[in-house]
Amino acid sequence: QQSDARGELTVREVVQLGRLPHLGLFTAPAPHD
């Protein structure tokens, strides 16, 4: 309900965070991500 919407990240960088459950913290996104 009250998500944190602050910070210096771009929109794409924020949306990329949704892939963390699949990638973990240290794996670079693959083309399918």
Full PDB file with SEQRES, HELIX, SHEET, SSBOND, CRYST1, ORIGX, SCALE, CONECT and MASTER records, all heavy atoms in Angstrom:
SEQRES   1 A   33  GLN GLN SER ASP ALA ARG GLY GLU LEU THR VAL ARG GLU          
SEQRES   2 A   33  VAL VAL GLN LEU GLY ARG LEU PRO HIS LEU GLY LEU PHE          
SEQRES   3 A   33  THR ALA PRO ALA PRO HIS ASP                                  
HELIX    1 AA1 VAL A   11  GLN A   16  1                                   6    
HELIX    2 AA2 LEU A   17  ARG A   19  5                                   3    
HELIX    3 AA3 LEU A   20  LEU A   23  1                                   4    
CRYST1    1.000    1.000    1.000  90.00  90.00  90.00 P 1           1          
ORIGX1      1.000000  0.000000  0.000000        0.00000                         
ORIGX2      0.000000  1.000000  0.000000        0.00000                         
ORIGX3      0.000000  0.000000  1.000000        0.00000                         
SCALE1      1.000000  0.000000  0.000000        0.00000                         
SCALE2      0.000000  1.000000  0.000000        0.00000                         
SCALE3      0.000000  0.000000  1.000000        0.00000                         
ATOM      1  N   GLN A   1       0.823  -1.204   0.000  1.00  0.00           N  
ATOM      2  CA  GLN A   1       0.000   0.000   0.000  1.00  0.00           C  
ATOM      3  C   GLN A   1       0.859   1.255   0.000  1.00  0.00           C  
ATOM      4  O   GLN A   1       0.546   2.244  -0.661  1.00  0.00           O  
ATOM      5  CB  GLN A   1      -0.916  -0.009   1.230  1.00  0.00           C  
ATOM      6  CG  GLN A   1      -1.867   1.170   1.301  1.00  0.00           C  
ATOM      7  CD  GLN A   1      -2.840   1.040   2.463  1.00  0.00           C  
ATOM      8  OE1 GLN A   1      -2.938  -0.011   3.099  1.00  0.00           O  
ATOM      9  NE2 GLN A   1      -3.563   2.096   2.753  1.00  0.00           N  
ATOM     10  N   GLN A   2       1.952   1.225   0.746  1.00  0.00           N  
ATOM     11  CA  GLN A   2       2.842   2.382   0.836  1.00  0.00           C  
ATOM     12  C   GLN A   2       4.234   1.968   0.391  1.00  0.00           C  
ATOM     13  O   GLN A   2       5.124   1.766   1.211  1.00  0.00           O  
ATOM     14  CB  GLN A   2       2.877   2.934   2.272  1.00  0.00           C  
ATOM     15  CG  GLN A   2       1.541   3.422   2.786  1.00  0.00           C  
ATOM     16  CD  GLN A   2       1.047   4.660   2.063  1.00  0.00           C  
ATOM     17  OE1 GLN A   2       1.824   5.419   1.507  1.00  0.00           O  
ATOM     18  NE2 GLN A   2      -0.266   4.872   2.080  1.00  0.00           N  
ATOM     19  N   SER A   3       4.438   1.781  -0.885  1.00  0.00           N  
ATOM     20  CA  SER A   3       5.741   1.376  -1.407  1.00  0.00           C  
ATOM     21  C   SER A   3       6.697   2.566  -1.436  1.00  0.00           C  
ATOM     22  O   SER A   3       6.278   3.708  -1.639  1.00  0.00           O  
ATOM     23  CB  SER A   3       5.609   0.794  -2.816  1.00  0.00           C  
ATOM     24  OG  SER A   3       4.849  -0.390  -2.794  1.00  0.00           O  
ATOM     25  N   ASP A   4       7.978   2.292  -1.245  1.00  0.00           N  
ATOM     26  CA  ASP A   4       8.997   3.336  -1.285  1.00  0.00           C  
ATOM     27  C   ASP A   4       9.217   3.761  -2.729  1.00  0.00           C  
ATOM     28  O   ASP A   4       9.593   2.953  -3.569  1.00  0.00           O  
ATOM     29  CB  ASP A   4      10.304   2.816  -0.681  1.00  0.00           C  
ATOM     30  CG  ASP A   4      11.352   3.913  -0.539  1.00  0.00           C  
ATOM     31  OD1 ASP A   4      11.052   5.069  -0.895  1.00  0.00           O  
ATOM     32  OD2 ASP A   4      12.456   3.612  -0.056  1.00  0.00           O  
ATOM     33  N   ALA A   5       8.943   5.019  -3.014  1.00  0.00           N  
ATOM     34  CA  ALA A   5       9.048   5.507  -4.391  1.00  0.00           C  
ATOM     35  C   ALA A   5      10.064   6.628  -4.506  1.00  0.00           C  
ATOM     36  O   ALA A   5       9.954   7.514  -5.324  1.00  0.00           O  
ATOM     37  CB  ALA A   5       7.686   5.979  -4.877  1.00  0.00           C  
ATOM     38  N   ARG A   6      11.093   6.589  -3.684  1.00  0.00           N  
ATOM     39  CA  ARG A   6      12.119   7.625  -3.729  1.00  0.00           C  
ATOM     40  C   ARG A   6      13.417   7.048  -4.298  1.00  0.00           C  
ATOM     41  O   ARG A   6      13.486   5.889  -4.645  1.00  0.00           O  
ATOM     42  CB  ARG A   6      12.357   8.172  -2.321  1.00  0.00           C  
ATOM     43  CG  ARG A   6      11.117   8.826  -1.699  1.00  0.00           C  
ATOM     44  CD  ARG A   6      11.330   9.125  -0.228  1.00  0.00           C  
ATOM     45  NE  ARG A   6      11.498   7.892   0.524  1.00  0.00           N  
ATOM     46  CZ  ARG A   6      11.794   7.840   1.822  1.00  0.00           C  
ATOM     47  NH1 ARG A   6      11.976   8.962   2.490  1.00  0.00           N  
ATOM     48  NH2 ARG A   6      11.922   6.689   2.441  1.00  0.00           N  
ATOM     49  N   GLY A   7      14.451   7.880  -4.363  1.00  0.00           N  
ATOM     50  CA  GLY A   7      15.749   7.400  -4.793  1.00  0.00           C  
ATOM     51  C   GLY A   7      16.144   7.911  -6.162  1.00  0.00           C  
ATOM     52  O   GLY A   7      15.374   8.587  -6.842  1.00  0.00           O  
ATOM     53  N   GLU A   8      17.361   7.559  -6.580  1.00  0.00           N  
ATOM     54  CA  GLU A   8      17.945   8.056  -7.820  1.00  0.00           C  
ATOM     55  C   GLU A   8      17.845   7.067  -8.972  1.00  0.00           C  
ATOM     56  O   GLU A   8      18.351   7.341 -10.050  1.00  0.00           O  
ATOM     57  CB  GLU A   8      19.425   8.403  -7.574  1.00  0.00           C  
ATOM     58  CG  GLU A   8      19.643   9.561  -6.608  1.00  0.00           C  
ATOM     59  CD  GLU A   8      19.111  10.879  -7.171  1.00  0.00           C  
ATOM     60  OE1 GLU A   8      19.251  11.098  -8.389  1.00  0.00           O  
ATOM     61  OE2 GLU A   8      18.530  11.660  -6.404  1.00  0.00           O  
ATOM     62  N   LEU A   9      17.208   5.927  -8.747  1.00  0.00           N  
ATOM     63  CA  LEU A   9      17.126   4.933  -9.806  1.00  0.00           C  
ATOM     64  C   LEU A   9      16.223   5.410 -10.934  1.00  0.00           C  
ATOM     65  O   LEU A   9      15.257   6.138 -10.718  1.00  0.00           O  
ATOM     66  CB  LEU A   9      16.576   3.613  -9.258  1.00  0.00           C  
ATOM     67  CG  LEU A   9      17.421   2.871  -8.218  1.00  0.00           C  
ATOM     68  CD1 LEU A   9      16.698   1.620  -7.783  1.00  0.00           C  
ATOM     69  CD2 LEU A   9      18.795   2.528  -8.774  1.00  0.00           C  
ATOM     70  N   THR A  10      16.549   4.995 -12.148  1.00  0.00           N  
ATOM     71  CA  THR A  10      15.658   5.266 -13.276  1.00  0.00           C  
ATOM     72  C   THR A  10      14.470   4.304 -13.219  1.00  0.00           C  
ATOM     73  O   THR A  10      14.489   3.304 -12.489  1.00  0.00           O  
ATOM     74  CB  THR A  10      16.380   5.080 -14.613  1.00  0.00           C  
ATOM     75  OG1 THR A  10      16.729   3.689 -14.765  1.00  0.00           O  
ATOM     76  CG2 THR A  10      17.629   5.944 -14.695  1.00  0.00           C  
ATOM     77  N   VAL A  11      13.475   4.604 -14.023  1.00  0.00           N  
ATOM     78  CA  VAL A  11      12.300   3.737 -14.088  1.00  0.00           C  
ATOM     79  C   VAL A  11      12.702   2.318 -14.469  1.00  0.00           C  
ATOM     80  O   VAL A  11      12.276   1.342 -13.840  1.00  0.00           O  
ATOM     81  CB  VAL A  11      11.277   4.311 -15.088  1.00  0.00           C  
ATOM     82  CG1 VAL A  11      10.212   3.272 -15.442  1.00  0.00           C  
ATOM     83  CG2 VAL A  11      10.633   5.574 -14.526  1.00  0.00           C  
ATOM     84  N   ARG A  12      13.525   2.175 -15.485  1.00  0.00           N  
ATOM     85  CA  ARG A  12      13.918   0.828 -15.912  1.00  0.00           C  
ATOM     86  C   ARG A  12      14.669   0.095 -14.801  1.00  0.00           C  
ATOM     87  O   ARG A  12      14.443  -1.093 -14.576  1.00  0.00           O  
ATOM     88  CB  ARG A  12      14.775   0.894 -17.170  1.00  0.00           C  
ATOM     89  CG  ARG A  12      15.079  -0.500 -17.719  1.00  0.00           C  
ATOM     90  CD  ARG A  12      15.827  -0.511 -19.021  1.00  0.00           C  
ATOM     91  NE  ARG A  12      15.852  -1.871 -19.550  1.00  0.00           N  
ATOM     92  CZ  ARG A  12      14.916  -2.403 -20.316  1.00  0.00           C  
ATOM     93  NH1 ARG A  12      13.873  -1.674 -20.673  1.00  0.00           N  
ATOM     94  NH2 ARG A  12      14.997  -3.656 -20.730  1.00  0.00           N  
ATOM     95  N   GLU A  13      15.533   0.790 -14.087  1.00  0.00           N  
ATOM     96  CA  GLU A  13      16.281   0.151 -12.997  1.00  0.00           C  
ATOM     97  C   GLU A  13      15.348  -0.308 -11.884  1.00  0.00           C  
ATOM     98  O   GLU A  13      15.568  -1.359 -11.275  1.00  0.00           O  
ATOM     99  CB  GLU A  13      17.332   1.114 -12.457  1.00  0.00           C  
ATOM    100  CG  GLU A  13      18.488   1.336 -13.421  1.00  0.00           C  
ATOM    101  CD  GLU A  13      19.380   2.503 -13.018  1.00  0.00           C  
ATOM    102  OE1 GLU A  13      18.920   3.378 -12.232  1.00  0.00           O  
ATOM    103  OE2 GLU A  13      20.534   2.554 -13.494  1.00  0.00           O  
ATOM    104  N   VAL A  14      14.322   0.468 -11.617  1.00  0.00           N  
ATOM    105  CA  VAL A  14      13.340   0.057 -10.607  1.00  0.00           C  
ATOM    106  C   VAL A  14      12.610  -1.201 -11.052  1.00  0.00           C  
ATOM    107  O   VAL A  14      12.450  -2.154 -10.283  1.00  0.00           O  
ATOM    108  CB  VAL A  14      12.335   1.196 -10.330  1.00  0.00           C  
ATOM    109  CG1 VAL A  14      11.186   0.701  -9.457  1.00  0.00           C  
ATOM    110  CG2 VAL A  14      13.030   2.367  -9.646  1.00  0.00           C  
ATOM    111  N   VAL A  15      12.168  -1.226 -12.291  1.00  0.00           N  
ATOM    112  CA  VAL A  15      11.420  -2.383 -12.788  1.00  0.00           C  
ATOM    113  C   VAL A  15      12.319  -3.620 -12.839  1.00  0.00           C  
ATOM    114  O   VAL A  15      11.874  -4.740 -12.579  1.00  0.00           O  
ATOM    115  CB  VAL A  15      10.805  -2.081 -14.163  1.00  0.00           C  
ATOM    116  CG1 VAL A  15      10.042  -3.289 -14.698  1.00  0.00           C  
ATOM    117  CG2 VAL A  15       9.863  -0.876 -14.070  1.00  0.00           C  
ATOM    118  N   GLN A  16      13.595  -3.429 -13.137  1.00  0.00           N  
ATOM    119  CA  GLN A  16      14.531  -4.560 -13.149  1.00  0.00           C  
ATOM    120  C   GLN A  16      14.635  -5.243 -11.788  1.00  0.00           C  
ATOM    121  O   GLN A  16      14.965  -6.438 -11.716  1.00  0.00           O  
ATOM    122  CB  GLN A  16      15.919  -4.088 -13.598  1.00  0.00           C  
ATOM    123  CG  GLN A  16      16.028  -3.813 -15.088  1.00  0.00           C  
ATOM    124  CD  GLN A  16      17.365  -3.189 -15.460  1.00  0.00           C  
ATOM    125  OE1 GLN A  16      17.984  -2.471 -14.662  1.00  0.00           O  
ATOM    126  NE2 GLN A  16      17.817  -3.462 -16.681  1.00  0.00           N  
ATOM    127  N   LEU A  17      14.345  -4.517 -10.709  1.00  0.00           N  
ATOM    128  CA  LEU A  17      14.384  -5.118  -9.379  1.00  0.00           C  
ATOM    129  C   LEU A  17      13.381  -6.265  -9.250  1.00  0.00           C  
ATOM    130  O   LEU A  17      13.557  -7.146  -8.402  1.00  0.00           O  
ATOM    131  CB  LEU A  17      14.105  -4.059  -8.310  1.00  0.00           C  
ATOM    132  CG  LEU A  17      15.143  -2.941  -8.168  1.00  0.00           C  
ATOM    133  CD1 LEU A  17      14.679  -1.911  -7.149  1.00  0.00           C  
ATOM    134  CD2 LEU A  17      16.498  -3.523  -7.767  1.00  0.00           C  
ATOM    135  N   GLY A  18      12.360  -6.251 -10.079  1.00  0.00           N  
ATOM    136  CA  GLY A  18      11.406  -7.344 -10.047  1.00  0.00           C  
ATOM    137  C   GLY A  18      11.988  -8.678 -10.465  1.00  0.00           C  
ATOM    138  O   GLY A  18      11.393  -9.734 -10.196  1.00  0.00           O  
ATOM    139  N   ARG A  19      13.138  -8.669 -11.097  1.00  0.00           N  
ATOM    140  CA  ARG A  19      13.779  -9.919 -11.518  1.00  0.00           C  
ATOM    141  C   ARG A  19      14.695 -10.507 -10.444  1.00  0.00           C  
ATOM    142  O   ARG A  19      15.219 -11.612 -10.611  1.00  0.00           O  
ATOM    143  CB  ARG A  19      14.591  -9.683 -12.810  1.00  0.00           C  
ATOM    144  CG  ARG A  19      13.763  -9.226 -13.999  1.00  0.00           C  
ATOM    145  CD  ARG A  19      12.627 -10.181 -14.307  1.00  0.00           C  
ATOM    146  NE  ARG A  19      13.106 -11.505 -14.709  1.00  0.00           N  
ATOM    147  CZ  ARG A  19      12.334 -12.586 -14.767  1.00  0.00           C  
ATOM    148  NH1 ARG A  19      11.055 -12.520 -14.414  1.00  0.00           N  
ATOM    149  NH2 ARG A  19      12.836 -13.745 -15.147  1.00  0.00           N  
ATOM    150  N   LEU A  20      14.877  -9.804  -9.322  1.00  0.00           N  
ATOM    151  CA  LEU A  20      15.776 -10.287  -8.268  1.00  0.00           C  
ATOM    152  C   LEU A  20      15.405 -11.679  -7.733  1.00  0.00           C  
ATOM    153  O   LEU A  20      16.314 -12.466  -7.441  1.00  0.00           O  
ATOM    154  CB  LEU A  20      15.823  -9.284  -7.112  1.00  0.00           C  
ATOM    155  CG  LEU A  20      16.653  -8.015  -7.352  1.00  0.00           C  
ATOM    156  CD1 LEU A  20      16.588  -7.110  -6.133  1.00  0.00           C  
ATOM    157  CD2 LEU A  20      18.099  -8.366  -7.686  1.00  0.00           C  
ATOM    158  N   PRO A  21      14.125 -12.017  -7.580  1.00  0.00           N  
ATOM    159  CA  PRO A  21      13.836 -13.377  -7.108  1.00  0.00           C  
ATOM    160  C   PRO A  21      14.373 -14.472  -8.022  1.00  0.00           C  
ATOM    161  O   PRO A  21      14.607 -15.591  -7.573  1.00  0.00           O  
ATOM    162  CB  PRO A  21      12.295 -13.401  -7.068  1.00  0.00           C  
ATOM    163  CG  PRO A  21      11.893 -11.985  -6.895  1.00  0.00           C  
ATOM    164  CD  PRO A  21      12.904 -11.202  -7.690  1.00  0.00           C  
ATOM    165  N   HIS A  22      14.576 -14.155  -9.295  1.00  0.00           N  
ATOM    166  CA  HIS A  22      15.105 -15.134 -10.249  1.00  0.00           C  
ATOM    167  C   HIS A  22      16.627 -15.062 -10.367  1.00  0.00           C  
ATOM    168  O   HIS A  22      17.280 -16.070 -10.623  1.00  0.00           O  
ATOM    169  CB  HIS A  22      14.487 -14.901 -11.632  1.00  0.00           C  
ATOM    170  CG  HIS A  22      12.996 -14.997 -11.643  1.00  0.00           C  
ATOM    171  ND1 HIS A  22      12.312 -16.188 -11.816  1.00  0.00           N  
ATOM    172  CD2 HIS A  22      12.045 -14.036 -11.496  1.00  0.00           C  
ATOM    173  CE1 HIS A  22      11.010 -15.964 -11.774  1.00  0.00           C  
ATOM    174  NE2 HIS A  22      10.819 -14.665 -11.590  1.00  0.00           N  
ATOM    175  N   LEU A  23      17.181 -13.865 -10.149  1.00  0.00           N  
ATOM    176  CA  LEU A  23      18.595 -13.651 -10.410  1.00  0.00           C  
ATOM    177  C   LEU A  23      19.462 -13.651  -9.149  1.00  0.00           C  
ATOM    178  O   LEU A  23      20.646 -14.002  -9.213  1.00  0.00           O  
ATOM    179  CB  LEU A  23      18.797 -12.297 -11.119  1.00  0.00           C  
ATOM    180  CG  LEU A  23      18.156 -12.146 -12.491  1.00  0.00           C  
ATOM    181  CD1 LEU A  23      18.261 -10.701 -12.962  1.00  0.00           C  
ATOM    182  CD2 LEU A  23      18.821 -13.087 -13.486  1.00  0.00           C  
ATOM    183  N   GLY A  24      18.899 -13.252  -8.029  1.00  0.00           N  
ATOM    184  CA  GLY A  24      19.727 -12.984  -6.866  1.00  0.00           C  
ATOM    185  C   GLY A  24      20.403 -11.637  -7.014  1.00  0.00           C  
ATOM    186  O   GLY A  24      20.139 -10.881  -7.957  1.00  0.00           O  
ATOM    187  N   LEU A  25      21.298 -11.322  -6.085  1.00  0.00           N  
ATOM    188  CA  LEU A  25      21.913  -9.989  -6.050  1.00  0.00           C  
ATOM    189  C   LEU A  25      23.068  -9.819  -7.020  1.00  0.00           C  
ATOM    190  O   LEU A  25      23.409  -8.697  -7.393  1.00  0.00           O  
ATOM    191  CB  LEU A  25      22.398  -9.678  -4.623  1.00  0.00           C  
ATOM    192  CG  LEU A  25      21.309  -9.475  -3.569  1.00  0.00           C  
ATOM    193  CD1 LEU A  25      21.941  -9.305  -2.192  1.00  0.00           C  
ATOM    194  CD2 LEU A  25      20.449  -8.260  -3.909  1.00  0.00           C  
ATOM    195  N   PHE A  26      23.707 -10.897  -7.423  1.00  0.00           N  
ATOM    196  CA  PHE A  26      24.976 -10.760  -8.129  1.00  0.00           C  
ATOM    197  C   PHE A  26      24.982 -11.337  -9.544  1.00  0.00           C  
ATOM    198  O   PHE A  26      26.033 -11.434 -10.177  1.00  0.00           O  
ATOM    199  CB  PHE A  26      26.091 -11.426  -7.303  1.00  0.00           C  
ATOM    200  CG  PHE A  26      26.180 -10.913  -5.905  1.00  0.00           C  
ATOM    201  CD1 PHE A  26      25.797 -11.700  -4.829  1.00  0.00           C  
ATOM    202  CD2 PHE A  26      26.614  -9.610  -5.644  1.00  0.00           C  
ATOM    203  CE1 PHE A  26      25.860 -11.222  -3.536  1.00  0.00           C  
ATOM    204  CE2 PHE A  26      26.684  -9.122  -4.365  1.00  0.00           C  
ATOM    205  CZ  PHE A  26      26.303  -9.927  -3.304  1.00  0.00           C  
ATOM    206  N   THR A  27      23.815 -11.716 -10.056  1.00  0.00           N  
ATOM    207  CA  THR A  27      23.731 -12.262 -11.410  1.00  0.00           C  
ATOM    208  C   THR A  27      23.200 -11.195 -12.355  1.00  0.00           C  
ATOM    209  O   THR A  27      22.177 -10.562 -12.073  1.00  0.00           O  
ATOM    210  CB  THR A  27      22.806 -13.494 -11.446  1.00  0.00           C  
ATOM    211  OG1 THR A  27      23.286 -14.472 -10.524  1.00  0.00           O  
ATOM    212  CG2 THR A  27      22.759 -14.084 -12.844  1.00  0.00           C  
ATOM    213  N   ALA A  28      23.880 -10.995 -13.452  1.00  0.00           N  
ATOM    214  CA  ALA A  28      23.450  -9.995 -14.427  1.00  0.00           C  
ATOM    215  C   ALA A  28      22.212 -10.498 -15.173  1.00  0.00           C  
ATOM    216  O   ALA A  28      22.082 -11.696 -15.443  1.00  0.00           O  
ATOM    217  CB  ALA A  28      24.573  -9.722 -15.425  1.00  0.00           C  
ATOM    218  N   PRO A  29      21.300  -9.591 -15.509  1.00  0.00           N  
ATOM    219  CA  PRO A  29      20.099 -10.005 -16.251  1.00  0.00           C  
ATOM    220  C   PRO A  29      20.464 -10.595 -17.604  1.00  0.00           C  
ATOM    221  O   PRO A  29      21.323 -10.084 -18.322  1.00  0.00           O  
ATOM    222  CB  PRO A  29      19.319  -8.691 -16.406  1.00  0.00           C  
ATOM    223  CG  PRO A  29      19.850  -7.783 -15.347  1.00  0.00           C  
ATOM    224  CD  PRO A  29      21.290  -8.155 -15.178  1.00  0.00           C  
ATOM    225  N   ALA A  30      19.796 -11.667 -17.966  1.00  0.00           N  
ATOM    226  CA  ALA A  30      19.950 -12.283 -19.283  1.00  0.00           C  
ATOM    227  C   ALA A  30      18.945 -11.645 -20.241  1.00  0.00           C  
ATOM    228  O   ALA A  30      18.054 -10.909 -19.818  1.00  0.00           O  
ATOM    229  CB  ALA A  30      19.711 -13.790 -19.171  1.00  0.00           C  
ATOM    230  N   PRO A  31      19.069 -11.913 -21.538  1.00  0.00           N  
ATOM    231  CA  PRO A  31      18.109 -11.328 -22.495  1.00  0.00           C  
ATOM    232  C   PRO A  31      16.650 -11.607 -22.153  1.00  0.00           C  
ATOM    233  O   PRO A  31      15.790 -10.743 -22.327  1.00  0.00           O  
ATOM    234  CB  PRO A  31      18.515 -11.979 -23.820  1.00  0.00           C  
ATOM    235  CG  PRO A  31      19.990 -12.207 -23.668  1.00  0.00           C  
ATOM    236  CD  PRO A  31      20.171 -12.608 -22.230  1.00  0.00           C  
ATOM    237  N   HIS A  32      16.334 -12.811 -21.640  1.00  0.00           N  
ATOM    238  CA  HIS A  32      14.935 -13.095 -21.326  1.00  0.00           C  
ATOM    239  C   HIS A  32      14.465 -12.281 -20.122  1.00  0.00           C  
ATOM    240  O   HIS A  32      13.276 -11.962 -20.003  1.00  0.00           O  
ATOM    241  CB  HIS A  32      14.709 -14.594 -21.101  1.00  0.00           C  
ATOM    242  CG  HIS A  32      15.289 -15.128 -19.830  1.00  0.00           C  
ATOM    243  ND1 HIS A  32      16.583 -15.618 -19.748  1.00  0.00           N  
ATOM    244  CD2 HIS A  32      14.761 -15.249 -18.585  1.00  0.00           C  
ATOM    245  CE1 HIS A  32      16.824 -16.028 -18.524  1.00  0.00           C  
ATOM    246  NE2 HIS A  32      15.745 -15.807 -17.789  1.00  0.00           N  
ATOM    247  N   ASP A  33      15.403 -11.931 -19.207  1.00  0.00           N  
ATOM    248  CA  ASP A  33      15.032 -11.059 -18.089  1.00  0.00           C  
ATOM    249  C   ASP A  33      14.707  -9.657 -18.591  1.00  0.00           C  
ATOM    250  O   ASP A  33      13.725  -9.039 -18.163  1.00  0.00           O  
ATOM    251  CB  ASP A  33      16.168 -10.988 -17.065  1.00  0.00           C  
ATOM    252  CG  ASP A  33      16.455 -12.321 -16.409  1.00  0.00           C  
ATOM    253  OD1 ASP A  33      15.533 -12.875 -15.774  1.00  0.00           O  
ATOM    254  OD2 ASP A  33      17.582 -12.822 -16.549  1.00  0.00           O  
TER     255      ASP A  33                                                      
MASTER        0    0    0    3    0    0    0    6  254    1    0    3          
END                                                                             
